[in-house]
């Protein structure tokens, strides 16, 4: 079904399950997903949409900003123009990145990312006064997490999308994951440890969520 909010037409997808509660999620491409029980009527669904319009609009705006950012090319928090030149090696001049094809740029970025992430891991690890293992580093694209700590395997995985952000955010995520070797939860003690090595972590967390 279609539903319009402030002139924005949304596609509403209703999934009916054996649920006691009703859940509403706003997804990309102006899609609203409602998960509810089998007895919820269309009239009730419309009331749910009407009562949640403020929440829906806020999330539509957030997703639009996210998409706008994803459509641009960022490297360490700075926006660049990609200029394709035949037989060109990867070269950064001012706000431009010169390269002869996107595949070459991708290979160059992966190589630079591995070096950068490893050097920042070394830097943050050496700041820790606590006795923690030196972890193996893995890098991959993740949809819902910036980093993962596997305490038993002694592995820290970082989201490759962090290459788009400034070093402050990369350092925070590394600090966060290394702190999990001491506290494998998000208790008050955990956040106290994170704050010890990243005093402005609250601001950074908010920026990463936005």
N, C-alpha and C. Protein backbone atom coordinates (compact mmCIF):
# COMPACT_ATOMS: atom_id res chain seq x y z
N UNK A 1 0.84 -1.20 0.00
CA UNK A 1 0.00 0.00 0.00
C UNK A 1 0.88 1.25 0.00
N UNK A 2 0.31 2.37 -0.48
CA UNK A 2 1.01 3.63 -0.51
C UNK A 2 0.53 4.53 0.63
N UNK A 3 1.46 5.34 1.14
CA UNK A 3 1.11 6.27 2.22
C UNK A 3 1.94 7.53 2.03
N UNK A 4 1.27 8.69 2.03
CA UNK A 4 1.95 9.96 1.77
C UNK A 4 2.10 10.76 3.07
N UNK A 5 3.34 11.26 3.30
CA UNK A 5 3.63 12.11 4.46
C UNK A 5 4.34 13.36 3.97
N UNK A 6 3.71 14.52 4.19
CA UNK A 6 4.30 15.80 3.76
C UNK A 6 4.73 15.76 2.29
N UNK A 7 3.92 15.14 1.46
CA UNK A 7 4.22 15.07 0.04
C UNK A 7 5.19 13.97 -0.36
N UNK A 8 5.68 13.21 0.63
CA UNK A 8 6.59 12.10 0.34
C UNK A 8 5.77 10.82 0.26
N UNK A 9 5.81 10.17 -0.91
CA UNK A 9 5.05 8.94 -1.06
C UNK A 9 5.89 7.75 -0.62
N UNK A 10 5.36 6.99 0.31
CA UNK A 10 6.08 5.84 0.85
C UNK A 10 5.37 4.55 0.46
N UNK A 11 6.17 3.54 0.27
CA UNK A 11 5.64 2.21 -0.01
C UNK A 11 5.59 1.43 1.31
N UNK A 12 4.40 1.07 1.76
CA UNK A 12 4.22 0.39 3.04
C UNK A 12 4.11 -1.12 2.79
N UNK A 13 5.01 -1.86 3.40
CA UNK A 13 5.00 -3.31 3.31
C UNK A 13 4.57 -3.87 4.66
N UNK A 14 3.52 -4.66 4.66
CA UNK A 14 2.98 -5.23 5.90
C UNK A 14 3.28 -6.73 5.94
N UNK A 15 3.99 -7.13 6.97
CA UNK A 15 4.27 -8.55 7.17
C UNK A 15 3.46 -9.02 8.38
N UNK A 16 2.60 -9.98 8.16
CA UNK A 16 1.77 -10.49 9.25
C UNK A 16 2.33 -11.82 9.75
N UNK A 17 2.57 -11.84 11.06
CA UNK A 17 3.14 -13.02 11.70
C UNK A 17 2.39 -13.29 13.00
N UNK A 18 2.80 -14.32 13.68
CA UNK A 18 2.19 -14.65 14.97
C UNK A 18 2.83 -13.81 16.07
N UNK A 19 2.70 -12.48 15.92
CA UNK A 19 3.31 -11.53 16.85
C UNK A 19 2.28 -10.99 17.84
N UNK A 20 2.74 -10.72 19.04
CA UNK A 20 1.89 -10.02 19.99
C UNK A 20 1.96 -8.52 19.77
N UNK A 21 3.15 -8.05 19.38
CA UNK A 21 3.38 -6.61 19.22
C UNK A 21 3.49 -6.23 17.74
N UNK A 22 3.39 -4.94 17.48
CA UNK A 22 3.54 -4.41 16.14
C UNK A 22 4.81 -3.58 16.08
N UNK A 23 5.61 -3.79 15.03
CA UNK A 23 6.88 -3.08 14.87
C UNK A 23 6.87 -2.31 13.55
N UNK A 24 7.41 -1.09 13.60
CA UNK A 24 7.48 -0.24 12.41
C UNK A 24 8.93 0.14 12.17
N UNK A 25 9.39 -0.08 10.94
CA UNK A 25 10.76 0.29 10.58
C UNK A 25 10.75 1.08 9.28
N UNK A 26 11.62 2.07 9.21
CA UNK A 26 11.76 2.88 8.00
C UNK A 26 13.03 2.44 7.30
N UNK A 27 12.89 2.06 6.03
CA UNK A 27 14.01 1.53 5.28
C UNK A 27 14.32 2.43 4.10
N UNK A 28 15.36 2.08 3.36
CA UNK A 28 15.78 2.90 2.21
C UNK A 28 14.70 2.90 1.13
N UNK A 29 14.81 3.88 0.22
CA UNK A 29 13.88 4.05 -0.90
C UNK A 29 12.44 4.30 -0.42
N UNK A 30 12.31 5.04 0.68
CA UNK A 30 11.00 5.44 1.21
C UNK A 30 10.09 4.25 1.49
N UNK A 31 10.67 3.21 2.01
CA UNK A 31 9.89 2.02 2.34
C UNK A 31 9.65 1.95 3.85
N UNK A 32 8.41 1.66 4.21
CA UNK A 32 8.03 1.47 5.61
C UNK A 32 7.62 0.02 5.80
N UNK A 33 8.28 -0.66 6.70
CA UNK A 33 7.98 -2.06 6.97
C UNK A 33 7.24 -2.18 8.31
N UNK A 34 6.07 -2.75 8.26
CA UNK A 34 5.28 -2.97 9.48
C UNK A 34 5.13 -4.47 9.68
N UNK A 35 5.60 -4.92 10.83
CA UNK A 35 5.44 -6.33 11.20
C UNK A 35 4.40 -6.40 12.31
N UNK A 36 3.35 -7.15 12.08
CA UNK A 36 2.24 -7.16 13.02
C UNK A 36 1.58 -8.54 13.04
N UNK A 37 0.53 -8.69 13.84
CA UNK A 37 -0.14 -9.99 13.91
C UNK A 37 -1.21 -10.12 12.83
N UNK A 38 -1.74 -11.31 12.70
CA UNK A 38 -2.67 -11.62 11.62
C UNK A 38 -4.01 -10.87 11.72
N UNK A 39 -4.34 -10.36 12.90
CA UNK A 39 -5.65 -9.76 13.11
C UNK A 39 -5.66 -8.24 12.96
N UNK A 40 -4.51 -7.65 12.65
CA UNK A 40 -4.44 -6.19 12.48
C UNK A 40 -5.09 -5.79 11.16
N UNK A 41 -6.07 -4.91 11.25
CA UNK A 41 -6.80 -4.49 10.05
C UNK A 41 -6.08 -3.34 9.33
N UNK A 42 -6.51 -3.07 8.11
CA UNK A 42 -5.94 -1.96 7.34
C UNK A 42 -6.19 -0.63 8.04
N UNK A 43 -7.35 -0.49 8.65
CA UNK A 43 -7.68 0.74 9.38
C UNK A 43 -6.72 0.94 10.55
N UNK A 44 -6.40 -0.15 11.25
CA UNK A 44 -5.46 -0.07 12.37
C UNK A 44 -4.05 0.27 11.89
N UNK A 45 -3.68 -0.25 10.73
CA UNK A 45 -2.36 0.05 10.15
C UNK A 45 -2.27 1.53 9.81
N UNK A 46 -3.33 2.09 9.26
CA UNK A 46 -3.34 3.53 8.95
C UNK A 46 -3.20 4.36 10.22
N UNK A 47 -3.83 3.93 11.30
CA UNK A 47 -3.70 4.64 12.57
C UNK A 47 -2.27 4.56 13.10
N UNK A 48 -1.62 3.41 12.91
CA UNK A 48 -0.22 3.24 13.33
C UNK A 48 0.67 4.20 12.55
N UNK A 49 0.41 4.32 11.26
CA UNK A 49 1.20 5.23 10.42
C UNK A 49 0.98 6.68 10.84
N UNK A 50 -0.25 7.04 11.06
CA UNK A 50 -0.57 8.42 11.45
C UNK A 50 0.06 8.80 12.79
N UNK A 51 0.04 7.89 13.73
CA UNK A 51 0.58 8.18 15.07
C UNK A 51 2.10 8.17 15.10
N UNK A 52 2.72 7.67 14.04
CA UNK A 52 4.19 7.59 13.99
C UNK A 52 4.80 8.46 12.90
N UNK A 53 4.03 9.44 12.41
CA UNK A 53 4.53 10.26 11.30
C UNK A 53 5.80 11.02 11.64
N UNK A 54 5.88 11.54 12.85
CA UNK A 54 7.08 12.28 13.27
C UNK A 54 8.31 11.38 13.23
N UNK A 55 8.16 10.17 13.75
CA UNK A 55 9.25 9.18 13.73
C UNK A 55 9.62 8.81 12.30
N UNK A 56 8.63 8.62 11.45
CA UNK A 56 8.88 8.24 10.05
C UNK A 56 9.63 9.34 9.32
N UNK A 57 9.18 10.58 9.48
CA UNK A 57 9.83 11.71 8.79
C UNK A 57 11.28 11.87 9.23
N UNK A 58 11.51 11.72 10.52
CA UNK A 58 12.87 11.85 11.06
C UNK A 58 13.79 10.80 10.43
N UNK A 59 13.31 9.59 10.29
CA UNK A 59 14.13 8.53 9.73
C UNK A 59 14.28 8.62 8.22
N UNK A 60 13.25 9.13 7.54
CA UNK A 60 13.37 9.37 6.10
C UNK A 60 14.46 10.41 5.83
N UNK A 61 14.49 11.45 6.65
CA UNK A 61 15.51 12.50 6.51
C UNK A 61 16.91 11.94 6.79
N UNK A 62 17.01 11.09 7.83
CA UNK A 62 18.31 10.49 8.17
C UNK A 62 18.82 9.61 7.03
N UNK A 63 17.94 8.81 6.45
CA UNK A 63 18.34 7.92 5.36
C UNK A 63 18.70 8.69 4.10
N UNK A 64 18.00 9.82 3.86
CA UNK A 64 18.31 10.66 2.70
C UNK A 64 19.71 11.26 2.82
N UNK A 65 20.04 11.74 4.03
CA UNK A 65 21.38 12.30 4.26
C UNK A 65 22.45 11.23 4.09
N UNK A 66 22.15 10.04 4.58
CA UNK A 66 23.09 8.93 4.46
C UNK A 66 23.33 8.58 3.00
N UNK A 67 22.25 8.57 2.20
CA UNK A 67 22.37 8.24 0.78
C UNK A 67 23.17 9.31 0.04
N UNK A 68 22.92 10.58 0.39
CA UNK A 68 23.66 11.68 -0.24
C UNK A 68 25.16 11.53 0.02
N UNK A 69 25.48 11.15 1.25
CA UNK A 69 26.90 10.97 1.59
C UNK A 69 27.50 9.79 0.85
N UNK A 70 26.73 8.71 0.73
CA UNK A 70 27.23 7.52 0.04
C UNK A 70 27.43 7.75 -1.44
N UNK A 71 26.69 8.72 -2.00
CA UNK A 71 26.84 9.03 -3.43
C UNK A 71 28.11 9.82 -3.71
N UNK A 72 28.74 10.35 -2.68
CA UNK A 72 29.97 11.11 -2.84
C UNK A 72 31.16 10.25 -2.42
N UNK A 73 32.35 10.64 -2.85
CA UNK A 73 33.54 9.87 -2.50
C UNK A 73 34.28 10.58 -1.38
N UNK A 74 34.41 9.87 -0.26
CA UNK A 74 35.11 10.41 0.90
C UNK A 74 36.31 9.53 1.23
N UNK A 75 37.38 10.19 1.64
CA UNK A 75 38.58 9.49 2.10
C UNK A 75 39.08 10.21 3.34
N UNK A 76 39.06 9.50 4.47
CA UNK A 76 39.48 10.05 5.76
C UNK A 76 38.76 11.36 6.08
N UNK A 77 37.47 11.37 5.81
CA UNK A 77 36.65 12.51 6.18
C UNK A 77 36.63 13.66 5.20
N UNK A 78 37.38 13.54 4.11
CA UNK A 78 37.45 14.62 3.13
C UNK A 78 36.82 14.17 1.82
N UNK A 79 36.04 15.07 1.21
CA UNK A 79 35.37 14.75 -0.05
C UNK A 79 36.32 15.00 -1.24
N UNK A 80 36.33 14.05 -2.17
CA UNK A 80 37.17 14.16 -3.36
C UNK A 80 36.37 13.96 -4.63
N UNK A 81 36.87 14.55 -5.70
CA UNK A 81 36.36 14.28 -7.04
C UNK A 81 37.24 13.21 -7.66
N UNK A 82 36.64 12.22 -8.30
CA UNK A 82 37.42 11.20 -8.99
C UNK A 82 37.49 11.58 -10.46
N UNK A 83 38.70 11.74 -10.95
CA UNK A 83 38.91 12.14 -12.34
C UNK A 83 39.65 11.01 -13.06
N UNK A 84 39.01 10.45 -14.09
CA UNK A 84 39.60 9.35 -14.84
C UNK A 84 40.46 9.89 -15.97
N UNK A 85 41.74 9.51 -15.94
CA UNK A 85 42.69 9.89 -16.99
C UNK A 85 43.36 8.64 -17.52
N UNK A 86 43.43 8.47 -18.83
CA UNK A 86 44.07 7.28 -19.39
C UNK A 86 45.52 7.16 -18.94
N UNK A 87 45.93 5.94 -18.61
CA UNK A 87 47.32 5.63 -18.22
C UNK A 87 47.79 6.43 -17.01
N UNK A 88 46.88 6.74 -16.12
CA UNK A 88 47.24 7.52 -14.94
C UNK A 88 47.36 6.61 -13.74
N UNK A 89 48.41 6.80 -12.95
CA UNK A 89 48.52 6.12 -11.67
C UNK A 89 47.63 6.86 -10.67
N UNK A 90 47.39 6.27 -9.52
CA UNK A 90 46.57 6.94 -8.51
C UNK A 90 47.35 8.11 -7.92
N UNK A 91 46.77 9.28 -8.04
CA UNK A 91 47.44 10.49 -7.56
C UNK A 91 46.41 11.44 -6.97
N UNK A 92 46.70 11.97 -5.81
CA UNK A 92 45.80 12.91 -5.14
C UNK A 92 46.40 14.31 -5.21
N UNK A 93 45.66 15.21 -5.82
CA UNK A 93 46.08 16.60 -5.92
C UNK A 93 44.91 17.48 -5.50
N UNK A 94 45.11 18.23 -4.43
CA UNK A 94 44.05 19.06 -3.86
C UNK A 94 42.82 18.19 -3.55
N UNK A 95 41.67 18.51 -4.15
CA UNK A 95 40.45 17.75 -3.89
C UNK A 95 40.15 16.72 -4.98
N UNK A 96 41.14 16.39 -5.76
CA UNK A 96 40.94 15.47 -6.87
C UNK A 96 41.78 14.22 -6.72
N UNK A 97 41.20 13.09 -7.12
CA UNK A 97 41.94 11.84 -7.21
C UNK A 97 41.98 11.44 -8.67
N UNK A 98 43.19 11.35 -9.22
CA UNK A 98 43.38 11.00 -10.62
C UNK A 98 43.72 9.52 -10.73
N UNK A 99 43.01 8.82 -11.60
CA UNK A 99 43.24 7.39 -11.81
C UNK A 99 42.66 7.02 -13.17
N UNK A 100 43.16 5.92 -13.77
CA UNK A 100 42.65 5.62 -15.11
C UNK A 100 41.42 4.70 -15.11
N UNK A 101 41.14 4.02 -13.98
CA UNK A 101 39.90 3.24 -13.90
C UNK A 101 39.56 2.96 -12.43
N UNK A 102 38.31 2.63 -12.19
CA UNK A 102 37.83 2.43 -10.82
C UNK A 102 38.42 1.18 -10.17
N UNK A 103 38.72 0.17 -10.98
CA UNK A 103 39.31 -1.05 -10.43
C UNK A 103 40.68 -0.76 -9.83
N UNK A 104 41.47 0.04 -10.51
CA UNK A 104 42.79 0.41 -10.00
C UNK A 104 42.65 1.21 -8.71
N UNK A 105 41.65 2.09 -8.66
CA UNK A 105 41.42 2.88 -7.45
C UNK A 105 41.04 1.97 -6.29
N UNK A 106 40.19 0.98 -6.55
CA UNK A 106 39.76 0.06 -5.51
C UNK A 106 40.94 -0.74 -4.95
N UNK A 107 41.82 -1.22 -5.82
CA UNK A 107 43.00 -1.97 -5.37
C UNK A 107 43.92 -1.09 -4.54
N UNK A 108 44.08 0.15 -4.98
CA UNK A 108 44.94 1.09 -4.25
C UNK A 108 44.36 1.40 -2.88
N UNK A 109 43.04 1.61 -2.83
CA UNK A 109 42.38 1.90 -1.55
C UNK A 109 42.51 0.73 -0.58
N UNK A 110 42.34 -0.49 -1.07
CA UNK A 110 42.46 -1.67 -0.20
C UNK A 110 43.86 -1.79 0.37
N UNK A 111 44.84 -1.51 -0.45
CA UNK A 111 46.24 -1.58 0.00
C UNK A 111 46.53 -0.52 1.05
N UNK A 112 46.09 0.71 0.78
CA UNK A 112 46.32 1.81 1.72
C UNK A 112 45.54 1.61 3.01
N UNK A 113 44.33 1.05 2.88
CA UNK A 113 43.50 0.82 4.05
C UNK A 113 44.15 -0.18 5.00
N UNK A 114 44.70 -1.25 4.48
CA UNK A 114 45.36 -2.25 5.32
C UNK A 114 46.53 -1.65 6.09
N UNK A 115 47.31 -0.84 5.39
CA UNK A 115 48.47 -0.19 6.05
C UNK A 115 48.00 0.79 7.12
N UNK A 116 47.00 1.59 6.79
CA UNK A 116 46.51 2.60 7.73
C UNK A 116 45.87 1.96 8.95
N UNK A 117 44.97 1.02 8.74
CA UNK A 117 44.26 0.39 9.86
C UNK A 117 45.23 -0.33 10.78
N UNK A 118 46.23 -0.97 10.20
CA UNK A 118 47.21 -1.68 11.02
C UNK A 118 48.06 -0.70 11.83
N UNK A 119 48.43 0.41 11.22
CA UNK A 119 49.25 1.40 11.93
C UNK A 119 48.46 2.04 13.07
N UNK A 120 47.16 2.28 12.87
CA UNK A 120 46.34 2.85 13.94
C UNK A 120 46.08 1.83 15.04
N UNK A 121 45.95 0.56 14.66
CA UNK A 121 45.80 -0.50 15.66
C UNK A 121 47.06 -0.55 16.53
N UNK A 122 48.23 -0.48 15.92
CA UNK A 122 49.49 -0.46 16.68
C UNK A 122 49.53 0.73 17.63
N UNK A 123 49.15 1.87 17.11
CA UNK A 123 49.20 3.11 17.89
C UNK A 123 48.28 3.04 19.12
N UNK A 124 47.03 2.62 18.91
CA UNK A 124 46.07 2.55 20.01
C UNK A 124 46.45 1.43 20.99
N UNK A 125 46.88 0.30 20.46
CA UNK A 125 47.27 -0.82 21.32
C UNK A 125 48.39 -0.42 22.28
N UNK A 126 49.35 0.33 21.78
CA UNK A 126 50.49 0.74 22.61
C UNK A 126 50.11 1.79 23.66
N UNK A 127 48.95 2.39 23.53
CA UNK A 127 48.48 3.34 24.55
C UNK A 127 47.90 2.61 25.76
N UNK A 128 47.43 1.38 25.55
CA UNK A 128 46.76 0.66 26.64
C UNK A 128 47.74 0.25 27.73
N UNK A 129 47.42 0.61 28.94
CA UNK A 129 48.21 0.19 30.10
C UNK A 129 47.77 -1.18 30.61
N UNK A 130 46.55 -1.57 30.25
CA UNK A 130 46.02 -2.86 30.66
C UNK A 130 46.68 -3.99 29.87
N UNK A 131 46.65 -5.17 30.46
CA UNK A 131 47.25 -6.34 29.81
C UNK A 131 46.25 -6.95 28.84
N UNK A 132 46.40 -6.64 27.57
CA UNK A 132 45.51 -7.19 26.54
C UNK A 132 46.36 -7.84 25.45
N UNK A 133 45.82 -8.84 24.77
CA UNK A 133 46.57 -9.50 23.71
C UNK A 133 46.65 -8.60 22.48
N UNK A 134 47.70 -8.78 21.69
CA UNK A 134 47.76 -8.06 20.42
C UNK A 134 46.95 -8.87 19.40
N UNK A 135 45.85 -8.29 18.90
CA UNK A 135 44.95 -9.08 18.06
C UNK A 135 45.36 -9.12 16.59
N UNK A 136 44.88 -10.14 15.91
CA UNK A 136 44.95 -10.16 14.45
C UNK A 136 43.92 -9.17 13.92
N UNK A 137 44.21 -8.59 12.78
CA UNK A 137 43.31 -7.60 12.20
C UNK A 137 42.64 -8.15 10.95
N UNK A 138 41.33 -8.00 10.91
CA UNK A 138 40.57 -8.33 9.71
C UNK A 138 39.77 -7.10 9.30
N UNK A 139 39.56 -6.95 8.01
CA UNK A 139 38.83 -5.81 7.48
C UNK A 139 37.77 -6.32 6.51
N UNK A 140 36.55 -5.90 6.71
CA UNK A 140 35.49 -6.26 5.77
C UNK A 140 34.35 -5.26 5.89
N UNK A 141 33.53 -5.21 4.88
CA UNK A 141 32.38 -4.30 4.90
C UNK A 141 31.27 -4.92 5.73
N UNK A 142 30.74 -4.15 6.67
CA UNK A 142 29.66 -4.62 7.53
C UNK A 142 28.52 -3.62 7.50
N UNK A 143 27.30 -4.11 7.55
CA UNK A 143 26.13 -3.24 7.45
C UNK A 143 25.73 -2.62 8.78
N UNK A 144 25.93 -3.35 9.87
CA UNK A 144 25.37 -2.88 11.16
C UNK A 144 26.41 -2.61 12.23
N UNK A 145 27.67 -2.91 11.97
CA UNK A 145 28.69 -2.71 13.00
C UNK A 145 29.91 -2.00 12.41
N UNK A 146 30.53 -1.18 13.26
CA UNK A 146 31.78 -0.53 12.87
C UNK A 146 32.98 -1.42 13.20
N UNK A 147 32.81 -2.28 14.18
CA UNK A 147 33.91 -3.17 14.56
C UNK A 147 33.39 -4.35 15.35
N UNK A 148 34.19 -5.41 15.40
CA UNK A 148 33.83 -6.62 16.15
C UNK A 148 35.09 -7.14 16.85
N UNK A 149 34.94 -7.53 18.11
CA UNK A 149 36.04 -8.13 18.85
C UNK A 149 35.71 -9.60 19.12
N UNK A 150 36.55 -10.48 18.62
CA UNK A 150 36.43 -11.91 18.95
C UNK A 150 37.47 -12.20 20.01
N UNK A 151 37.02 -12.19 21.26
CA UNK A 151 37.94 -12.30 22.40
C UNK A 151 38.69 -13.63 22.41
N UNK A 152 37.99 -14.71 22.13
CA UNK A 152 38.62 -16.03 22.19
C UNK A 152 39.65 -16.23 21.08
N UNK A 153 39.32 -15.77 19.87
CA UNK A 153 40.24 -15.93 18.74
C UNK A 153 41.29 -14.83 18.68
N UNK A 154 41.13 -13.81 19.56
CA UNK A 154 42.04 -12.66 19.59
C UNK A 154 42.10 -11.96 18.22
N UNK A 155 40.90 -11.64 17.71
CA UNK A 155 40.77 -11.01 16.40
C UNK A 155 39.90 -9.76 16.53
N UNK A 156 40.34 -8.68 15.92
CA UNK A 156 39.53 -7.47 15.81
C UNK A 156 39.20 -7.27 14.33
N UNK A 157 37.91 -7.13 14.04
CA UNK A 157 37.47 -6.88 12.67
C UNK A 157 36.96 -5.44 12.57
N UNK A 158 37.43 -4.72 11.57
CA UNK A 158 37.03 -3.33 11.37
C UNK A 158 36.25 -3.19 10.07
N UNK A 159 35.26 -2.33 10.09
CA UNK A 159 34.44 -2.07 8.92
C UNK A 159 35.23 -1.25 7.91
N UNK A 160 35.31 -1.72 6.67
CA UNK A 160 36.07 -1.01 5.64
C UNK A 160 35.52 0.38 5.36
N UNK A 161 34.24 0.63 5.70
CA UNK A 161 33.65 1.94 5.49
C UNK A 161 34.30 3.02 6.36
N UNK A 162 35.03 2.61 7.39
CA UNK A 162 35.72 3.58 8.24
C UNK A 162 36.76 4.38 7.47
N UNK A 163 37.18 3.88 6.31
CA UNK A 163 38.14 4.61 5.50
C UNK A 163 37.55 5.93 5.02
N UNK A 164 36.24 6.02 4.98
CA UNK A 164 35.57 7.25 4.55
C UNK A 164 35.61 8.33 5.61
N UNK A 165 35.86 7.94 6.86
CA UNK A 165 35.77 8.87 7.99
C UNK A 165 37.15 9.32 8.46
N UNK A 166 37.17 10.36 9.28
CA UNK A 166 38.44 10.88 9.77
C UNK A 166 39.07 9.92 10.78
N UNK A 167 40.34 10.14 11.08
CA UNK A 167 41.09 9.24 11.95
C UNK A 167 40.51 9.17 13.36
N UNK A 168 39.90 10.23 13.81
CA UNK A 168 39.32 10.26 15.15
C UNK A 168 38.30 9.13 15.32
N UNK A 169 37.49 8.92 14.28
CA UNK A 169 36.46 7.88 14.35
C UNK A 169 37.07 6.49 14.24
N UNK A 170 38.05 6.33 13.40
CA UNK A 170 38.75 5.05 13.29
C UNK A 170 39.41 4.70 14.61
N UNK A 171 40.06 5.66 15.22
CA UNK A 171 40.73 5.42 16.51
C UNK A 171 39.73 5.07 17.60
N UNK A 172 38.56 5.71 17.57
CA UNK A 172 37.55 5.38 18.57
C UNK A 172 37.09 3.93 18.43
N UNK A 173 36.81 3.50 17.21
CA UNK A 173 36.33 2.13 17.00
C UNK A 173 37.39 1.12 17.44
N UNK A 174 38.65 1.39 17.16
CA UNK A 174 39.72 0.50 17.60
C UNK A 174 39.80 0.47 19.13
N UNK A 175 39.70 1.63 19.74
CA UNK A 175 39.70 1.71 21.21
C UNK A 175 38.54 0.91 21.79
N UNK A 176 37.39 1.06 21.18
CA UNK A 176 36.19 0.35 21.62
C UNK A 176 36.41 -1.16 21.58
N UNK A 177 36.92 -1.65 20.46
CA UNK A 177 37.10 -3.10 20.31
C UNK A 177 38.21 -3.64 21.22
N UNK A 178 39.30 -2.91 21.38
CA UNK A 178 40.36 -3.36 22.27
C UNK A 178 39.89 -3.39 23.73
N UNK A 179 39.00 -2.47 24.08
CA UNK A 179 38.47 -2.43 25.44
C UNK A 179 37.65 -3.68 25.76
N UNK A 180 37.12 -4.31 24.73
CA UNK A 180 36.34 -5.53 24.95
C UNK A 180 37.21 -6.70 25.41
N UNK A 181 38.51 -6.60 25.26
CA UNK A 181 39.38 -7.65 25.79
C UNK A 181 39.42 -7.60 27.32
N UNK A 182 39.03 -6.46 27.89
CA UNK A 182 38.96 -6.32 29.35
C UNK A 182 37.53 -6.53 29.83
N UNK A 183 36.58 -5.88 29.16
CA UNK A 183 35.17 -5.99 29.52
C UNK A 183 34.38 -6.41 28.29
N UNK A 184 33.93 -7.65 28.27
CA UNK A 184 33.22 -8.15 27.09
C UNK A 184 31.72 -7.86 27.21
N UNK A 185 31.41 -6.58 27.46
CA UNK A 185 30.04 -6.12 27.58
C UNK A 185 30.06 -4.62 27.36
N UNK A 186 28.95 -3.96 27.63
CA UNK A 186 28.89 -2.50 27.55
C UNK A 186 28.49 -1.92 28.90
N UNK A 187 29.14 -2.42 29.92
CA UNK A 187 28.89 -1.97 31.28
C UNK A 187 29.49 -0.58 31.51
N UNK A 188 29.21 -0.03 32.68
CA UNK A 188 29.77 1.27 33.04
C UNK A 188 31.30 1.20 33.08
N UNK A 189 31.84 0.09 33.55
CA UNK A 189 33.30 -0.09 33.61
C UNK A 189 33.90 -0.08 32.21
N UNK A 190 33.17 -0.70 31.27
CA UNK A 190 33.64 -0.72 29.88
C UNK A 190 33.76 0.70 29.34
N UNK A 191 32.69 1.49 29.50
CA UNK A 191 32.71 2.85 28.94
C UNK A 191 33.72 3.75 29.67
N UNK A 192 33.97 3.48 30.93
CA UNK A 192 35.01 4.22 31.66
C UNK A 192 36.37 3.95 31.04
N UNK A 193 36.60 2.69 30.66
CA UNK A 193 37.87 2.33 30.01
C UNK A 193 37.98 2.98 28.64
N UNK A 194 36.90 2.97 27.88
CA UNK A 194 36.91 3.62 26.56
C UNK A 194 37.22 5.10 26.71
N UNK A 195 36.59 5.74 27.70
CA UNK A 195 36.79 7.17 27.92
C UNK A 195 38.22 7.49 28.33
N UNK A 196 38.87 6.56 28.98
CA UNK A 196 40.25 6.75 29.40
C UNK A 196 41.15 7.02 28.19
N UNK A 197 40.90 6.32 27.10
CA UNK A 197 41.75 6.46 25.91
C UNK A 197 41.09 7.26 24.79
N UNK A 198 39.79 7.56 24.98
CA UNK A 198 39.07 8.36 23.98
C UNK A 198 38.07 9.25 24.72
N UNK A 199 38.55 10.34 25.31
CA UNK A 199 37.71 11.18 26.18
C UNK A 199 36.43 11.71 25.52
N UNK A 200 36.44 11.94 24.22
CA UNK A 200 35.25 12.50 23.54
C UNK A 200 34.48 11.43 22.79
N UNK A 201 34.48 10.20 23.32
CA UNK A 201 33.84 9.09 22.62
C UNK A 201 32.35 9.31 22.40
N UNK A 202 31.67 10.01 23.31
CA UNK A 202 30.23 10.21 23.17
C UNK A 202 29.91 11.03 21.92
N UNK A 203 30.71 12.06 21.68
CA UNK A 203 30.51 12.90 20.48
C UNK A 203 30.76 12.07 19.22
N UNK A 204 31.82 11.27 19.23
CA UNK A 204 32.16 10.46 18.06
C UNK A 204 31.08 9.42 17.79
N UNK A 205 30.58 8.77 18.84
CA UNK A 205 29.51 7.78 18.67
C UNK A 205 28.29 8.41 18.02
N UNK A 206 27.95 9.61 18.46
CA UNK A 206 26.77 10.30 17.90
C UNK A 206 26.99 10.60 16.42
N UNK A 207 28.19 11.06 16.07
CA UNK A 207 28.49 11.38 14.68
C UNK A 207 28.45 10.13 13.80
N UNK A 208 28.91 9.00 14.32
CA UNK A 208 28.86 7.76 13.55
C UNK A 208 27.44 7.27 13.37
N UNK A 209 26.59 7.49 14.37
CA UNK A 209 25.19 7.09 14.24
C UNK A 209 24.46 7.96 13.23
N UNK A 210 24.82 9.26 13.18
CA UNK A 210 24.16 10.18 12.24
C UNK A 210 24.62 9.96 10.81
